[in-house]
Amino acid sequence: MKTLLFVFACAIVLSSCHVSAKKTIGGDSTDNKTYTVPDDSAITKAVHDAYTAISFKEGEKPRYSEVHNYFIPEVQFINFRTDTAQIFNMKQFEDLFKNFLTETHAHMFYEEEVFGRTEQFGKIAHRISTYVTYINTRDKAEERGVNSFQLIKTKNGWKVSSIIWDVEKPTLKVPEYYLKK
């Protein structure tokens, strides 16, 4: 259930447009290839908004009504906290998150991205997002993990179609390349 909380936090993504820039790769002008790199500021903002929507200070509550704005109705949450994938729809995830908050007596919850990278082609995008989670105090992170957001561009902007995540464990450390700024 703790994982569900973290996934939900990582989840509310994307509702704005995409701008791209051309980059050139290759050794000389005859070998150069051009590819499109997204200006992911809209995606980054959406990820931060998603984390903010489930985060809350002492005396506040999560803003569940905002969460649905960032997902397609058929969204899937896939948790690999254990050896077996746990798959949830939005309602199941929300129920588990609420239960987690009750069971842990959480009076403050804060999750934030510490590293992110976006890849995009046409109307599909992927954002890898390393996060840290704080429960009841900002003095020490309770958990660190990696979220994989899959997104699609709809008539109403970018929406999350799924989130897959795993958490750091003694036998599974977040790699350095997912921690760079």
Protein backbone atom coordinates (compact mmCIF):
# COMPACT_ATOMS: atom_id res chain seq x y z
CA MET A 1 0.00 0.00 0.00
CA LYS A 2 2.88 2.32 0.72
CA THR A 3 3.95 1.88 -2.88
CA LEU A 4 0.53 2.82 -4.11
CA LEU A 5 0.83 6.05 -2.25
CA PHE A 6 4.12 6.77 -3.93
CA VAL A 7 2.84 5.84 -7.36
CA PHE A 8 -0.16 8.04 -7.00
CA ALA A 9 2.09 10.87 -6.02
CA CYS A 10 4.16 10.38 -9.07
CA ALA A 11 1.23 10.13 -11.25
CA ILE A 12 -0.59 13.30 -12.11
CA VAL A 13 0.91 14.36 -15.34
CA LEU A 14 0.66 16.51 -18.37
CA SER A 15 -1.99 18.83 -19.61
CA SER A 16 -0.19 21.20 -21.91
CA CYS A 17 1.42 21.48 -25.29
CA HIS A 18 4.74 20.22 -26.60
CA VAL A 19 7.47 22.22 -28.30
CA SER A 20 10.38 20.53 -30.01
CA ALA A 21 13.85 21.44 -31.16
CA LYS A 22 16.01 19.94 -33.88
CA LYS A 23 19.37 18.44 -32.92
CA THR A 24 22.07 17.16 -35.20
CA ILE A 25 24.13 14.05 -34.59
CA GLY A 26 26.98 12.54 -36.57
CA GLY A 27 30.61 13.25 -37.41
CA ASP A 28 30.44 15.30 -40.59
CA SER A 29 27.75 16.93 -42.68
CA THR A 30 27.22 13.81 -44.86
CA ASP A 31 26.60 11.57 -41.84
CA ASN A 32 24.45 14.01 -39.88
CA LYS A 33 20.97 12.91 -38.92
CA THR A 34 18.31 15.15 -37.45
CA TYR A 35 16.01 14.05 -34.66
CA THR A 36 13.41 15.76 -32.52
CA VAL A 37 14.00 16.32 -28.83
CA PRO A 38 10.98 17.43 -26.82
CA ASP A 39 11.00 20.59 -24.80
CA ASP A 40 9.59 18.73 -21.84
CA SER A 41 8.83 21.75 -19.67
CA ALA A 42 5.11 20.97 -19.97
CA ILE A 43 5.75 17.35 -19.04
CA THR A 44 8.02 18.36 -16.17
CA LYS A 45 5.38 20.76 -14.89
CA ALA A 46 2.71 18.08 -15.15
CA VAL A 47 4.87 15.61 -13.20
CA HIS A 48 5.50 18.21 -10.51
CA ASP A 49 1.76 18.99 -10.43
CA ALA A 50 1.03 15.27 -10.00
CA TYR A 51 3.40 15.05 -7.06
CA THR A 52 1.86 18.20 -5.59
CA ALA A 53 -1.70 16.88 -5.97
CA ILE A 54 -1.03 13.93 -3.65
CA SER A 55 1.31 15.80 -1.32
CA PHE A 56 -0.14 17.64 1.64
CA LYS A 57 1.06 19.61 4.65
CA GLU A 58 0.04 19.16 8.27
CA GLY A 59 -3.68 19.95 8.52
CA GLU A 60 -4.31 19.46 4.78
CA LYS A 61 -5.60 16.50 2.75
CA PRO A 62 -4.61 15.11 -0.66
CA ARG A 63 -6.42 16.81 -3.53
CA TYR A 64 -8.02 13.70 -5.07
CA SER A 65 -10.33 15.79 -7.26
CA GLU A 66 -7.29 17.14 -9.15
CA VAL A 67 -5.75 13.73 -9.81
CA HIS A 68 -8.27 12.62 -12.42
CA ASN A 69 -7.38 15.63 -14.61
CA TYR A 70 -4.01 14.11 -15.47
CA PHE A 71 -4.97 10.52 -16.43
CA ILE A 72 -6.97 8.75 -19.09
CA PRO A 73 -9.98 6.95 -17.60
CA GLU A 74 -8.40 3.55 -18.30
CA VAL A 75 -5.11 4.37 -16.53
CA GLN A 76 -3.14 1.49 -15.04
CA PHE A 77 -0.89 1.66 -11.98
CA ILE A 78 1.66 -1.15 -11.91
CA ASN A 79 3.63 -1.67 -8.72
CA PHE A 80 6.72 -3.89 -8.51
CA ARG A 81 7.32 -3.42 -4.78
CA THR A 82 7.23 -7.20 -4.47
CA ASP A 83 8.43 -9.83 -6.94
CA THR A 84 5.01 -9.89 -8.60
CA ALA A 85 3.41 -6.96 -10.40
CA GLN A 86 0.38 -5.52 -8.67
CA ILE A 87 -1.93 -3.83 -11.19
CA PHE A 88 -4.58 -1.29 -10.20
CA ASN A 89 -7.07 0.98 -11.90
CA MET A 90 -7.67 4.53 -10.66
CA LYS A 91 -10.41 3.64 -8.16
CA GLN A 92 -8.41 0.74 -6.68
CA PHE A 93 -5.31 2.88 -6.40
CA GLU A 94 -7.17 5.75 -4.75
CA ASP A 95 -8.77 3.36 -2.23
CA LEU A 96 -5.38 1.82 -1.40
CA PHE A 97 -3.80 5.27 -1.02
CA LYS A 98 -6.56 6.37 1.37
CA ASN A 99 -6.15 3.17 3.40
CA PHE A 100 -2.38 3.67 3.50
CA LEU A 101 -2.77 7.18 4.88
CA THR A 102 -5.17 5.92 7.53
CA GLU A 103 -3.06 2.91 8.54
CA THR A 104 0.18 4.92 8.77
CA HIS A 105 -1.50 7.82 10.57
CA ALA A 106 0.01 10.12 7.94
CA HIS A 107 -0.63 13.75 8.80
CA MET A 108 1.87 15.00 6.22
CA PHE A 109 2.93 13.45 2.92
CA TYR A 110 5.34 14.94 0.42
CA GLU A 111 6.76 13.41 -2.74
CA GLU A 112 9.04 15.09 -5.26
CA GLU A 113 10.98 14.30 -8.39
CA VAL A 114 14.75 14.42 -7.94
CA PHE A 115 15.58 13.42 -11.51
CA GLY A 116 13.55 13.19 -14.69
CA ARG A 117 14.07 12.51 -18.37
CA THR A 118 11.49 12.58 -21.16
CA GLU A 119 11.41 10.82 -24.50
CA GLN A 120 8.67 11.61 -27.01
CA PHE A 121 7.63 10.57 -30.49
CA GLY A 122 4.48 11.98 -32.04
CA LYS A 123 1.62 11.61 -29.61
CA ILE A 124 3.37 9.24 -27.20
CA ALA A 125 5.82 10.07 -24.44
CA HIS A 126 7.70 8.37 -21.65
CA ARG A 127 9.04 10.09 -18.54
CA ILE A 128 11.42 8.34 -16.18
CA SER A 129 11.11 10.01 -12.79
CA THR A 130 13.23 9.30 -9.73
CA TYR A 131 11.37 10.38 -6.61
CA VAL A 132 11.74 10.68 -2.86
CA THR A 133 8.89 10.45 -0.39
CA TYR A 134 8.53 12.04 3.04
CA ILE A 135 5.90 10.96 5.56
CA ASN A 136 5.12 13.07 8.65
CA THR A 137 8.49 14.86 8.44
CA ARG A 138 10.69 16.54 5.83
CA ASP A 139 13.82 15.72 7.87
CA LYS A 140 14.37 12.26 6.40
CA ALA A 141 13.14 10.61 3.20
CA GLU A 142 11.00 7.56 3.86
CA GLU A 143 11.48 6.06 0.41
CA ARG A 144 13.19 6.53 -2.93
CA GLY A 145 12.24 4.87 -6.19
CA VAL A 146 11.70 5.23 -9.91
CA ASN A 147 8.42 5.86 -11.72
CA SER A 148 7.97 5.18 -15.40
CA PHE A 149 5.16 7.36 -16.80
CA GLN A 150 3.62 6.49 -20.16
CA LEU A 151 1.70 9.39 -21.67
CA ILE A 152 -0.50 10.06 -24.67
CA LYS A 153 -1.47 13.36 -26.22
CA THR A 154 -5.23 13.85 -26.26
CA LYS A 155 -7.40 16.72 -27.48
CA ASN A 156 -7.16 18.02 -23.90
CA GLY A 157 -3.36 17.77 -23.72
CA TRP A 158 -0.98 15.13 -22.41
CA LYS A 159 -2.50 12.46 -20.13
CA VAL A 160 -0.93 9.57 -18.23
CA SER A 161 -1.96 6.16 -19.55
CA SER A 162 0.08 4.17 -17.04
CA ILE A 163 2.64 4.40 -14.29
CA ILE A 164 5.00 1.56 -13.50
CA TRP A 165 7.24 1.83 -10.44
CA ASP A 166 9.68 0.10 -8.21
CA VAL A 167 11.22 1.20 -4.92
CA GLU A 168 14.80 1.17 -3.78
CA LYS A 169 15.72 -1.80 -1.59
CA PRO A 170 19.02 -3.09 -0.15
CA THR A 171 19.23 -5.41 -3.18
CA LEU A 172 18.03 -2.82 -5.71
CA LYS A 173 19.70 0.61 -5.63
CA VAL A 174 18.65 3.51 -7.86
CA PRO A 175 21.46 3.78 -10.45
CA GLU A 176 23.57 6.94 -10.60
CA TYR A 177 22.33 7.79 -14.09
CA TYR A 178 18.82 8.18 -12.58
CA LEU A 179 20.13 10.60 -9.96
CA LYS A 180 22.03 13.12 -12.10
CA LYS A 181 20.71 16.64 -12.38
